[in-house]
Amino acid sequence: YHGLGDWEPIRVILENEEKFHEKIDLTDNLYAEESTIWIVGKE
C-alpha cells in the first residue's frame, strides 16, 4: 500500500478497518432483511 493514503477507501476496505474515519464512514451496517434498494426514486 505504498503511495496510498490512510484515508483511501480501497485501503480501508482491504485492510478491513471499519472504524470511523473523518473522510469516510463505513460504520453503517445495512442488513438485507432491514434494507431496501432505491434507483431513480423507485423502490
All heavy atoms as atom14 arrays in JSON, in Angstrom:
{
  "sequence": "YHGLGDWEPIRVILENEEKFHEKIDLTDNLYAEESTIWIVGKE",
  "atom14_mask": [
    [1, 1, 1, 1, 1, 1, 1, 1, 1, 1, 1, 1, 0, 0],
    [1, 1, 1, 1, 1, 1, 1, 1, 1, 1, 0, 0, 0, 0],
    [1, 1, 1, 1, 0, 0, 0, 0, 0, 0, 0, 0, 0, 0],
    [1, 1, 1, 1, 1, 1, 1, 1, 0, 0, 0, 0, 0, 0],
    [1, 1, 1, 1, 0, 0, 0, 0, 0, 0, 0, 0, 0, 0],
    [1, 1, 1, 1, 1, 1, 1, 1, 0, 0, 0, 0, 0, 0],
    [1, 1, 1, 1, 1, 1, 1, 1, 1, 1, 1, 1, 1, 1],
    [1, 1, 1, 1, 1, 1, 1, 1, 1, 0, 0, 0, 0, 0],
    [1, 1, 1, 1, 1, 1, 1, 0, 0, 0, 0, 0, 0, 0],
    [1, 1, 1, 1, 1, 1, 1, 1, 0, 0, 0, 0, 0, 0],
    [1, 1, 1, 1, 1, 1, 1, 1, 1, 1, 1, 0, 0, 0],
    [1, 1, 1, 1, 1, 1, 1, 0, 0, 0, 0, 0, 0, 0],
    [1, 1, 1, 1, 1, 1, 1, 1, 0, 0, 0, 0, 0, 0],
    [1, 1, 1, 1, 1, 1, 1, 1, 0, 0, 0, 0, 0, 0],
    [1, 1, 1, 1, 1, 1, 1, 1, 1, 0, 0, 0, 0, 0],
    [1, 1, 1, 1, 1, 1, 1, 1, 0, 0, 0, 0, 0, 0],
    [1, 1, 1, 1, 1, 1, 1, 1, 1, 0, 0, 0, 0, 0],
    [1, 1, 1, 1, 1, 1, 1, 1, 1, 0, 0, 0, 0, 0],
    [1, 1, 1, 1, 1, 1, 1, 1, 1, 0, 0, 0, 0, 0],
    [1, 1, 1, 1, 1, 1, 1, 1, 1, 1, 1, 0, 0, 0],
    [1, 1, 1, 1, 1, 1, 1, 1, 1, 1, 0, 0, 0, 0],
    [1, 1, 1, 1, 1, 1, 1, 1, 1, 0, 0, 0, 0, 0],
    [1, 1, 1, 1, 1, 1, 1, 1, 1, 0, 0, 0, 0, 0],
    [1, 1, 1, 1, 1, 1, 1, 1, 0, 0, 0, 0, 0, 0],
    [1, 1, 1, 1, 1, 1, 1, 1, 0, 0, 0, 0, 0, 0],
    [1, 1, 1, 1, 1, 1, 1, 1, 0, 0, 0, 0, 0, 0],
    [1, 1, 1, 1, 1, 1, 1, 0, 0, 0, 0, 0, 0, 0],
    [1, 1, 1, 1, 1, 1, 1, 1, 0, 0, 0, 0, 0, 0],
    [1, 1, 1, 1, 1, 1, 1, 1, 0, 0, 0, 0, 0, 0],
    [1, 1, 1, 1, 1, 1, 1, 1, 0, 0, 0, 0, 0, 0],
    [1, 1, 1, 1, 1, 1, 1, 1, 1, 1, 1, 1, 0, 0],
    [1, 1, 1, 1, 1, 0, 0, 0, 0, 0, 0, 0, 0, 0],
    [1, 1, 1, 1, 1, 1, 1, 1, 1, 0, 0, 0, 0, 0],
    [1, 1, 1, 1, 1, 1, 1, 1, 1, 0, 0, 0, 0, 0],
    [1, 1, 1, 1, 1, 1, 0, 0, 0, 0, 0, 0, 0, 0],
    [1, 1, 1, 1, 1, 1, 1, 0, 0, 0, 0, 0, 0, 0],
    [1, 1, 1, 1, 1, 1, 1, 1, 0, 0, 0, 0, 0, 0],
    [1, 1, 1, 1, 1, 1, 1, 1, 1, 1, 1, 1, 1, 1],
    [1, 1, 1, 1, 1, 1, 1, 1, 0, 0, 0, 0, 0, 0],
    [1, 1, 1, 1, 1, 1, 1, 0, 0, 0, 0, 0, 0, 0],
    [1, 1, 1, 1, 0, 0, 0, 0, 0, 0, 0, 0, 0, 0],
    [1, 1, 1, 1, 1, 1, 1, 1, 1, 0, 0, 0, 0, 0],
    [1, 1, 1, 1, 1, 1, 1, 1, 1, 0, 0, 0, 0, 0]
  ],
  "atom14_positions": [
    [[0.82, -1.21, 0.0], [0.0, 0.0, 0.0], [0.85, 1.27, 0.0], [0.41, 2.33, 0.41], [-0.97, 0.02, 1.18], [-1.89, -1.15, 1.22], [-1.92, -2.0, 2.32], [-2.74, -1.42, 0.17], [-2.78, -3.09, 2.36], [-3.59, -2.51, 0.2], [-3.61, -3.33, 1.29], [-4.46, -4.4, 1.32], [0.0, 0.0, 0.0], [0.0, 0.0, 0.0]],
    [[2.1, 1.17, -0.48], [2.97, 2.34, -0.56], [2.39, 3.33, -1.58], [2.14, 2.98, -2.71], [4.39, 1.94, -0.98], [5.34, 3.1, -1.05], [5.77, 3.75, 0.06], [5.89, 3.72, -2.12], [6.58, 4.73, -0.31], [6.67, 4.72, -1.64], [0.0, 0.0, 0.0], [0.0, 0.0, 0.0], [0.0, 0.0, 0.0], [0.0, 0.0, 0.0]],
    [[2.17, 4.54, -1.17], [1.6, 5.55, -2.04], [0.1, 5.75, -1.85], [-0.47, 6.7, -2.37], [0.0, 0.0, 0.0], [0.0, 0.0, 0.0], [0.0, 0.0, 0.0], [0.0, 0.0, 0.0], [0.0, 0.0, 0.0], [0.0, 0.0, 0.0], [0.0, 0.0, 0.0], [0.0, 0.0, 0.0], [0.0, 0.0, 0.0], [0.0, 0.0, 0.0]],
    [[-0.55, 4.86, -1.13], [-1.96, 5.03, -0.82], [-2.09, 5.69, 0.54], [-1.47, 5.26, 1.51], [-2.67, 3.68, -0.77], [-3.1, 3.05, -2.09], [-3.71, 1.69, -1.83], [-4.05, 3.92, -2.83], [0.0, 0.0, 0.0], [0.0, 0.0, 0.0], [0.0, 0.0, 0.0], [0.0, 0.0, 0.0], [0.0, 0.0, 0.0], [0.0, 0.0, 0.0]],
    [[-2.89, 6.72, 0.63], [-3.1, 7.38, 1.9], [-3.91, 6.52, 2.85], [-4.62, 5.61, 2.43], [0.0, 0.0, 0.0], [0.0, 0.0, 0.0], [0.0, 0.0, 0.0], [0.0, 0.0, 0.0], [0.0, 0.0, 0.0], [0.0, 0.0, 0.0], [0.0, 0.0, 0.0], [0.0, 0.0, 0.0], [0.0, 0.0, 0.0], [0.0, 0.0, 0.0]],
    [[-3.79, 6.78, 4.14], [-4.54, 6.02, 5.15], [-6.04, 6.19, 4.97], [-6.82, 5.34, 5.38], [-4.16, 6.47, 6.56], [-2.73, 6.09, 6.91], [-2.21, 5.15, 6.28], [-2.14, 6.75, 7.79], [0.0, 0.0, 0.0], [0.0, 0.0, 0.0], [0.0, 0.0, 0.0], [0.0, 0.0, 0.0], [0.0, 0.0, 0.0], [0.0, 0.0, 0.0]],
    [[-6.47, 7.28, 4.35], [-7.88, 7.59, 4.18], [-8.46, 7.01, 2.9], [-9.67, 7.07, 2.7], [-8.07, 9.1, 4.18], [-7.19, 9.78, 3.19], [-5.93, 10.25, 3.4], [-7.48, 10.03, 1.83], [-5.42, 10.77, 2.25], [-6.36, 10.65, 1.26], [-8.57, 9.79, 1.01], [-6.29, 11.04, -0.07], [-8.51, 10.18, -0.32], [-7.38, 10.8, -0.85]],
    [[-7.65, 6.44, 2.01], [-8.14, 5.91, 0.74], [-9.17, 4.81, 1.0], [-8.89, 3.85, 1.72], [-7.0, 5.32, -0.1], [-6.07, 6.34, -0.69], [-6.67, 7.05, -1.89], [-7.72, 6.63, -2.4], [-6.07, 8.05, -2.3], [0.0, 0.0, 0.0], [0.0, 0.0, 0.0], [0.0, 0.0, 0.0], [0.0, 0.0, 0.0], [0.0, 0.0, 0.0]],
    [[-10.35, 4.91, 0.43], [-11.4, 3.92, 0.69], [-10.98, 2.48, 0.37], [-11.29, 1.57, 1.13], [-12.55, 4.36, -0.23], [-12.31, 5.81, -0.46], [-10.83, 6.0, -0.42], [0.0, 0.0, 0.0], [0.0, 0.0, 0.0], [0.0, 0.0, 0.0], [0.0, 0.0, 0.0], [0.0, 0.0, 0.0], [0.0, 0.0, 0.0], [0.0, 0.0, 0.0]],
    [[-10.26, 2.28, -0.73], [-9.86, 0.91, -1.08], [-8.92, 0.33, -0.03], [-9.0, -0.85, 0.3], [-9.25, 0.85, -2.51], [-9.1, -0.59, -2.97], [-7.9, 1.55, -2.56], [-10.38, -1.28, -3.23], [0.0, 0.0, 0.0], [0.0, 0.0, 0.0], [0.0, 0.0, 0.0], [0.0, 0.0, 0.0], [0.0, 0.0, 0.0], [0.0, 0.0, 0.0]],
    [[-8.06, 1.16, 0.53], [-7.14, 0.68, 1.57], [-7.91, 0.31, 2.84], [-7.65, -0.72, 3.45], [-6.08, 1.73, 1.87], [-5.07, 1.28, 2.88], [-3.97, 2.26, 3.06], [-2.99, 1.76, 4.0], [-1.81, 2.3, 4.17], [-1.44, 3.35, 3.47], [-0.97, 1.79, 5.05], [0.0, 0.0, 0.0], [0.0, 0.0, 0.0], [0.0, 0.0, 0.0]],
    [[-8.85, 1.16, 3.22], [-9.64, 0.89, 4.43], [-10.42, -0.41, 4.27], [-10.48, -1.23, 5.18], [-10.57, 2.08, 4.74], [-11.51, 1.76, 5.88], [-9.76, 3.32, 5.05], [0.0, 0.0, 0.0], [0.0, 0.0, 0.0], [0.0, 0.0, 0.0], [0.0, 0.0, 0.0], [0.0, 0.0, 0.0], [0.0, 0.0, 0.0], [0.0, 0.0, 0.0]],
    [[-11.01, -0.61, 3.09], [-11.79, -1.82, 2.85], [-10.91, -3.05, 2.86], [-11.22, -4.06, 3.49], [-12.56, -1.7, 1.51], [-13.65, -0.64, 1.64], [-13.16, -3.04, 1.12], [-14.26, -0.24, 0.33], [0.0, 0.0, 0.0], [0.0, 0.0, 0.0], [0.0, 0.0, 0.0], [0.0, 0.0, 0.0], [0.0, 0.0, 0.0], [0.0, 0.0, 0.0]],
    [[-9.78, -2.99, 2.16], [-8.92, -4.16, 2.05], [-8.22, -4.5, 3.36], [-7.93, -5.65, 3.64], [-7.88, -3.98, 0.94], [-8.47, -3.94, -0.48], [-7.37, -3.71, -1.49], [-9.23, -5.21, -0.79], [0.0, 0.0, 0.0], [0.0, 0.0, 0.0], [0.0, 0.0, 0.0], [0.0, 0.0, 0.0], [0.0, 0.0, 0.0], [0.0, 0.0, 0.0]],
    [[-7.93, -3.5, 4.17], [-7.32, -3.76, 5.48], [-8.37, -4.09, 6.52], [-8.05, -4.35, 7.67], [-6.48, -2.56, 5.92], [-5.21, -2.41, 5.12], [-4.35, -1.26, 5.61], [-4.85, -0.4, 6.37], [-3.17, -1.22, 5.23], [0.0, 0.0, 0.0], [0.0, 0.0, 0.0], [0.0, 0.0, 0.0], [0.0, 0.0, 0.0], [0.0, 0.0, 0.0]],
    [[-9.65, -4.04, 6.13], [-10.77, -4.37, 7.0], [-10.8, -3.49, 8.24], [-11.07, -3.96, 9.34], [-10.73, -5.86, 7.37], [-12.11, -6.37, 7.69], [-13.11, -5.73, 7.36], [-12.17, -7.52, 8.32], [0.0, 0.0, 0.0], [0.0, 0.0, 0.0], [0.0, 0.0, 0.0], [0.0, 0.0, 0.0], [0.0, 0.0, 0.0], [0.0, 0.0, 0.0]],
    [[-10.53, -2.22, 8.06], [-10.56, -1.26, 9.16], [-11.88, -0.51, 9.12], [-11.95, 0.61, 8.65], [-9.41, -0.27, 9.05], [-8.05, -0.88, 9.26], [-6.95, 0.15, 9.18], [-7.23, 1.36, 9.22], [-5.79, -0.25, 9.1], [0.0, 0.0, 0.0], [0.0, 0.0, 0.0], [0.0, 0.0, 0.0], [0.0, 0.0, 0.0], [0.0, 0.0, 0.0]],
    [[-12.92, -1.12, 9.61], [-14.24, -0.49, 9.57], [-14.48, 0.36, 10.81], [-15.46, 0.19, 11.51], [-15.32, -1.55, 9.4], [-15.22, -2.24, 8.08], [-16.38, -3.17, 7.83], [-17.4, -3.04, 8.52], [-16.26, -4.02, 6.95], [0.0, 0.0, 0.0], [0.0, 0.0, 0.0], [0.0, 0.0, 0.0], [0.0, 0.0, 0.0], [0.0, 0.0, 0.0]],
    [[-13.59, 1.27, 11.06], [-13.78, 2.19, 12.18], [-14.07, 3.58, 11.6], [-13.82, 3.84, 10.43], [-12.53, 2.23, 13.05], [-11.26, 2.61, 12.3], [-10.06, 2.46, 13.18], [-8.81, 2.77, 12.36], [-7.61, 2.45, 13.01], [0.0, 0.0, 0.0], [0.0, 0.0, 0.0], [0.0, 0.0, 0.0], [0.0, 0.0, 0.0], [0.0, 0.0, 0.0]],
    [[-14.57, 4.47, 12.42], [-14.91, 5.8, 11.94], [-13.65, 6.53, 11.5], [-12.62, 6.49, 12.15], [-15.61, 6.62, 13.03], [-15.92, 8.0, 12.58], [-16.98, 8.23, 11.72], [-15.14, 9.06, 12.98], [-17.27, 9.51, 11.28], [-15.43, 10.35, 12.55], [-16.49, 10.56, 11.7], [0.0, 0.0, 0.0], [0.0, 0.0, 0.0], [0.0, 0.0, 0.0]],
    [[-13.74, 7.17, 10.37], [-12.64, 7.96, 9.85], [-13.23, 9.29, 9.43], [-14.38, 9.38, 9.0], [-12.0, 7.24, 8.65], [-10.67, 7.78, 8.29], [-10.51, 8.88, 7.51], [-9.43, 7.35, 8.61], [-9.23, 9.13, 7.35], [-8.55, 8.21, 8.02], [0.0, 0.0, 0.0], [0.0, 0.0, 0.0], [0.0, 0.0, 0.0], [0.0, 0.0, 0.0]],
    [[-12.45, 10.35, 9.51], [-13.02, 11.67, 9.23], [-13.41, 11.86, 7.77], [-14.27, 12.64, 7.45], [-12.03, 12.76, 9.65], [-10.68, 12.67, 8.96], [-9.65, 13.59, 9.57], [-9.41, 13.46, 10.78], [-9.11, 14.41, 8.83], [0.0, 0.0, 0.0], [0.0, 0.0, 0.0], [0.0, 0.0, 0.0], [0.0, 0.0, 0.0], [0.0, 0.0, 0.0]],
    [[-12.79, 11.12, 6.84], [-13.12, 11.29, 5.42], [-14.15, 10.29, 4.92], [-14.89, 10.57, 4.01], [-11.86, 11.19, 4.57], [-10.88, 12.3, 4.84], [-10.17, 12.69, 3.61], [-9.22, 13.81, 3.93], [-9.21, 14.84, 3.0], [0.0, 0.0, 0.0], [0.0, 0.0, 0.0], [0.0, 0.0, 0.0], [0.0, 0.0, 0.0], [0.0, 0.0, 0.0]],
    [[-14.17, 9.08, 5.49], [-15.15, 8.09, 5.06], [-15.77, 7.44, 6.28], [-15.17, 7.37, 7.33], [-14.52, 7.01, 4.15], [-13.36, 6.32, 4.86], [-14.1, 7.56, 2.84], [-12.8, 5.16, 4.08], [0.0, 0.0, 0.0], [0.0, 0.0, 0.0], [0.0, 0.0, 0.0], [0.0, 0.0, 0.0], [0.0, 0.0, 0.0], [0.0, 0.0, 0.0]],
    [[-16.97, 6.95, 6.1], [-17.67, 6.31, 7.2], [-18.21, 4.97, 6.72], [-19.14, 4.92, 5.93], [-18.81, 7.2, 7.69], [-19.52, 6.61, 8.89], [-18.99, 5.66, 9.49], [-20.61, 7.1, 9.23], [0.0, 0.0, 0.0], [0.0, 0.0, 0.0], [0.0, 0.0, 0.0], [0.0, 0.0, 0.0], [0.0, 0.0, 0.0], [0.0, 0.0, 0.0]],
    [[-17.59, 3.89, 7.17], [-18.02, 2.56, 6.78], [-18.74, 1.86, 7.93], [-18.85, 0.66, 7.94], [-16.8, 1.72, 6.36], [-16.01, 2.25, 5.17], [-14.77, 1.42, 4.96], [-16.85, 2.23, 3.93], [0.0, 0.0, 0.0], [0.0, 0.0, 0.0], [0.0, 0.0, 0.0], [0.0, 0.0, 0.0], [0.0, 0.0, 0.0], [0.0, 0.0, 0.0]],
    [[-19.23, 2.63, 8.9], [-19.8, 2.02, 10.09], [-21.29, 1.71, 9.96], [-21.84, 1.09, 10.84], [-19.6, 2.93, 11.31], [-20.17, 4.2, 11.03], [-18.13, 3.1, 11.62], [0.0, 0.0, 0.0], [0.0, 0.0, 0.0], [0.0, 0.0, 0.0], [0.0, 0.0, 0.0], [0.0, 0.0, 0.0], [0.0, 0.0, 0.0], [0.0, 0.0, 0.0]],
    [[-21.95, 2.15, 8.89], [-23.36, 1.84, 8.72], [-23.52, 0.38, 8.36], [-23.02, -0.07, 7.34], [-23.99, 2.69, 7.62], [-24.29, 4.1, 8.08], [-24.31, 4.32, 9.3], [-24.5, 4.96, 7.22], [0.0, 0.0, 0.0], [0.0, 0.0, 0.0], [0.0, 0.0, 0.0], [0.0, 0.0, 0.0], [0.0, 0.0, 0.0], [0.0, 0.0, 0.0]],
    [[-24.18, -0.37, 9.21], [-24.44, -1.77, 8.93], [-25.84, -1.87, 8.36], [-26.82, -1.67, 9.04], [-24.32, -2.62, 10.2], [-22.9, -2.67, 10.7], [-21.97, -2.68, 9.91], [-22.73, -2.69, 12.01], [0.0, 0.0, 0.0], [0.0, 0.0, 0.0], [0.0, 0.0, 0.0], [0.0, 0.0, 0.0], [0.0, 0.0, 0.0], [0.0, 0.0, 0.0]],
    [[-25.91, -2.17, 7.07], [-27.19, -2.32, 6.4], [-27.37, -3.8, 6.07], [-26.67, -4.34, 5.23], [-27.24, -1.48, 5.12], [-27.17, 0.03, 5.33], [-26.99, 0.74, 4.01], [-28.42, 0.52, 6.03], [0.0, 0.0, 0.0], [0.0, 0.0, 0.0], [0.0, 0.0, 0.0], [0.0, 0.0, 0.0], [0.0, 0.0, 0.0], [0.0, 0.0, 0.0]],
    [[-28.27, -4.44, 6.76], [-28.53, -5.86, 6.54], [-29.64, -6.0, 5.51], [-30.56, -5.19, 5.43], [-28.92, -6.53, 7.85], [-27.83, -6.42, 8.88], [-27.92, -5.51, 9.92], [-26.68, -7.22, 8.8], [-26.92, -5.41, 10.87], [-25.68, -7.11, 9.73], [-25.79, -6.21, 10.76], [-24.79, -6.09, 11.68], [0.0, 0.0, 0.0], [0.0, 0.0, 0.0]],
    [[-29.57, -7.07, 4.72], [-30.52, -7.29, 3.63], [-31.96, -7.32, 4.13], [-32.87, -6.8, 3.47], [-30.18, -8.58, 2.89], [0.0, 0.0, 0.0], [0.0, 0.0, 0.0], [0.0, 0.0, 0.0], [0.0, 0.0, 0.0], [0.0, 0.0, 0.0], [0.0, 0.0, 0.0], [0.0, 0.0, 0.0], [0.0, 0.0, 0.0], [0.0, 0.0, 0.0]],
    [[-32.19, -7.91, 5.3], [-33.55, -8.02, 5.82], [-34.12, -6.66, 6.23], [-35.33, -6.47, 6.28], [-33.6, -8.93, 7.05], [-32.93, -10.27, 6.91], [-31.43, -10.21, 7.15], [-30.97, -9.58, 8.12], [-30.71, -10.8, 6.35], [0.0, 0.0, 0.0], [0.0, 0.0, 0.0], [0.0, 0.0, 0.0], [0.0, 0.0, 0.0], [0.0, 0.0, 0.0]],
    [[-33.24, -5.71, 6.53], [-33.68, -4.41, 7.05], [-33.51, -3.28, 6.05], [-33.68, -2.12, 6.39], [-32.87, -4.07, 8.31], [-32.95, -5.1, 9.4], [-31.95, -4.84, 10.51], [-31.17, -3.87, 10.41], [-31.95, -5.61, 11.47], [0.0, 0.0, 0.0], [0.0, 0.0, 0.0], [0.0, 0.0, 0.0], [0.0, 0.0, 0.0], [0.0, 0.0, 0.0]],
    [[-33.14, -3.59, 4.8], [-32.8, -2.55, 3.83], [-33.64, -2.67, 2.56], [-34.17, -3.72, 2.24], [-31.33, -2.66, 3.45], [-30.52, -2.6, 4.58], [0.0, 0.0, 0.0], [0.0, 0.0, 0.0], [0.0, 0.0, 0.0], [0.0, 0.0, 0.0], [0.0, 0.0, 0.0], [0.0, 0.0, 0.0], [0.0, 0.0, 0.0], [0.0, 0.0, 0.0]],
    [[-33.71, -1.54, 1.86], [-34.34, -1.52, 0.54], [-33.41, -0.79, -0.42], [-32.61, 0.05, -0.01], [-35.7, -0.8, 0.55], [-35.52, 0.53, 1.03], [-36.7, -1.52, 1.4], [0.0, 0.0, 0.0], [0.0, 0.0, 0.0], [0.0, 0.0, 0.0], [0.0, 0.0, 0.0], [0.0, 0.0, 0.0], [0.0, 0.0, 0.0], [0.0, 0.0, 0.0]],
    [[-33.54, -1.12, -1.7], [-32.71, -0.51, -2.73], [-33.57, 0.47, -3.52], [-34.69, 0.15, -3.9], [-32.13, -1.59, -3.67], [-31.23, -2.53, -2.87], [-31.37, -0.95, -4.82], [-30.71, -3.7, -3.68], [0.0, 0.0, 0.0], [0.0, 0.0, 0.0], [0.0, 0.0, 0.0], [0.0, 0.0, 0.0], [0.0, 0.0, 0.0], [0.0, 0.0, 0.0]],
    [[-33.02, 1.67, -3.75], [-33.72, 2.71, -4.5], [-32.91, 3.06, -5.74], [-31.7, 3.26, -5.66], [-33.88, 3.96, -3.64], [-34.84, 3.78, -2.52], [-34.59, 3.19, -1.31], [-36.2, 4.19, -2.49], [-35.71, 3.21, -0.54], [-36.71, 3.83, -1.24], [-37.02, 4.83, -3.39], [-38.03, 4.08, -0.88], [-38.32, 5.09, -3.03], [-38.82, 4.71, -1.79]],
    [[-33.59, 3.15, -6.88], [-32.97, 3.59, -8.12], [-33.92, 4.59, -8.77], [-35.09, 4.27, -8.99], [-32.7, 2.42, -9.09], [-31.77, 1.39, -8.44], [-32.1, 2.93, -10.39], [-31.52, 0.17, -9.3], [0.0, 0.0, 0.0], [0.0, 0.0, 0.0], [0.0, 0.0, 0.0], [0.0, 0.0, 0.0], [0.0, 0.0, 0.0], [0.0, 0.0, 0.0]],
    [[-33.45, 5.77, -9.07], [-34.23, 6.81, -9.74], [-35.55, 7.05, -9.02], [-36.61, 7.16, -9.64], [-34.47, 6.46, -11.23], [-34.97, 7.67, -12.0], [-33.23, 5.92, -11.9], [0.0, 0.0, 0.0], [0.0, 0.0, 0.0], [0.0, 0.0, 0.0], [0.0, 0.0, 0.0], [0.0, 0.0, 0.0], [0.0, 0.0, 0.0], [0.0, 0.0, 0.0]],
    [[-35.5, 7.1, -7.71], [-36.7, 7.37, -6.94], [-37.7, 6.23, -6.87], [-38.81, 6.41, -6.4], [0.0, 0.0, 0.0], [0.0, 0.0, 0.0], [0.0, 0.0, 0.0], [0.0, 0.0, 0.0], [0.0, 0.0, 0.0], [0.0, 0.0, 0.0], [0.0, 0.0, 0.0], [0.0, 0.0, 0.0], [0.0, 0.0, 0.0], [0.0, 0.0, 0.0]],
    [[-37.3, 5.04, -7.34], [-38.19, 3.88, -7.29], [-37.62, 2.85, -6.32], [-36.43, 2.53, -6.38], [-38.33, 3.24, -8.67], [-38.97, 4.13, -9.7], [-39.04, 3.44, -11.03], [-39.66, 4.36, -12.07], [-39.73, 3.71, -13.38], [0.0, 0.0, 0.0], [0.0, 0.0, 0.0], [0.0, 0.0, 0.0], [0.0, 0.0, 0.0], [0.0, 0.0, 0.0]],
    [[-38.47, 2.34, -5.46], [-38.04, 1.3, -4.53], [-38.16, -0.05, -5.23], [-39.21, -0.41, -5.75], [-38.91, 1.32, -3.27], [-38.5, 0.31, -2.24], [-39.35, 0.4, -0.99], [-40.34, 1.15, -0.97], [-39.01, -0.3, -0.03], [0.0, 0.0, 0.0], [0.0, 0.0, 0.0], [0.0, 0.0, 0.0], [0.0, 0.0, 0.0], [0.0, 0.0, 0.0]]
  ]
}
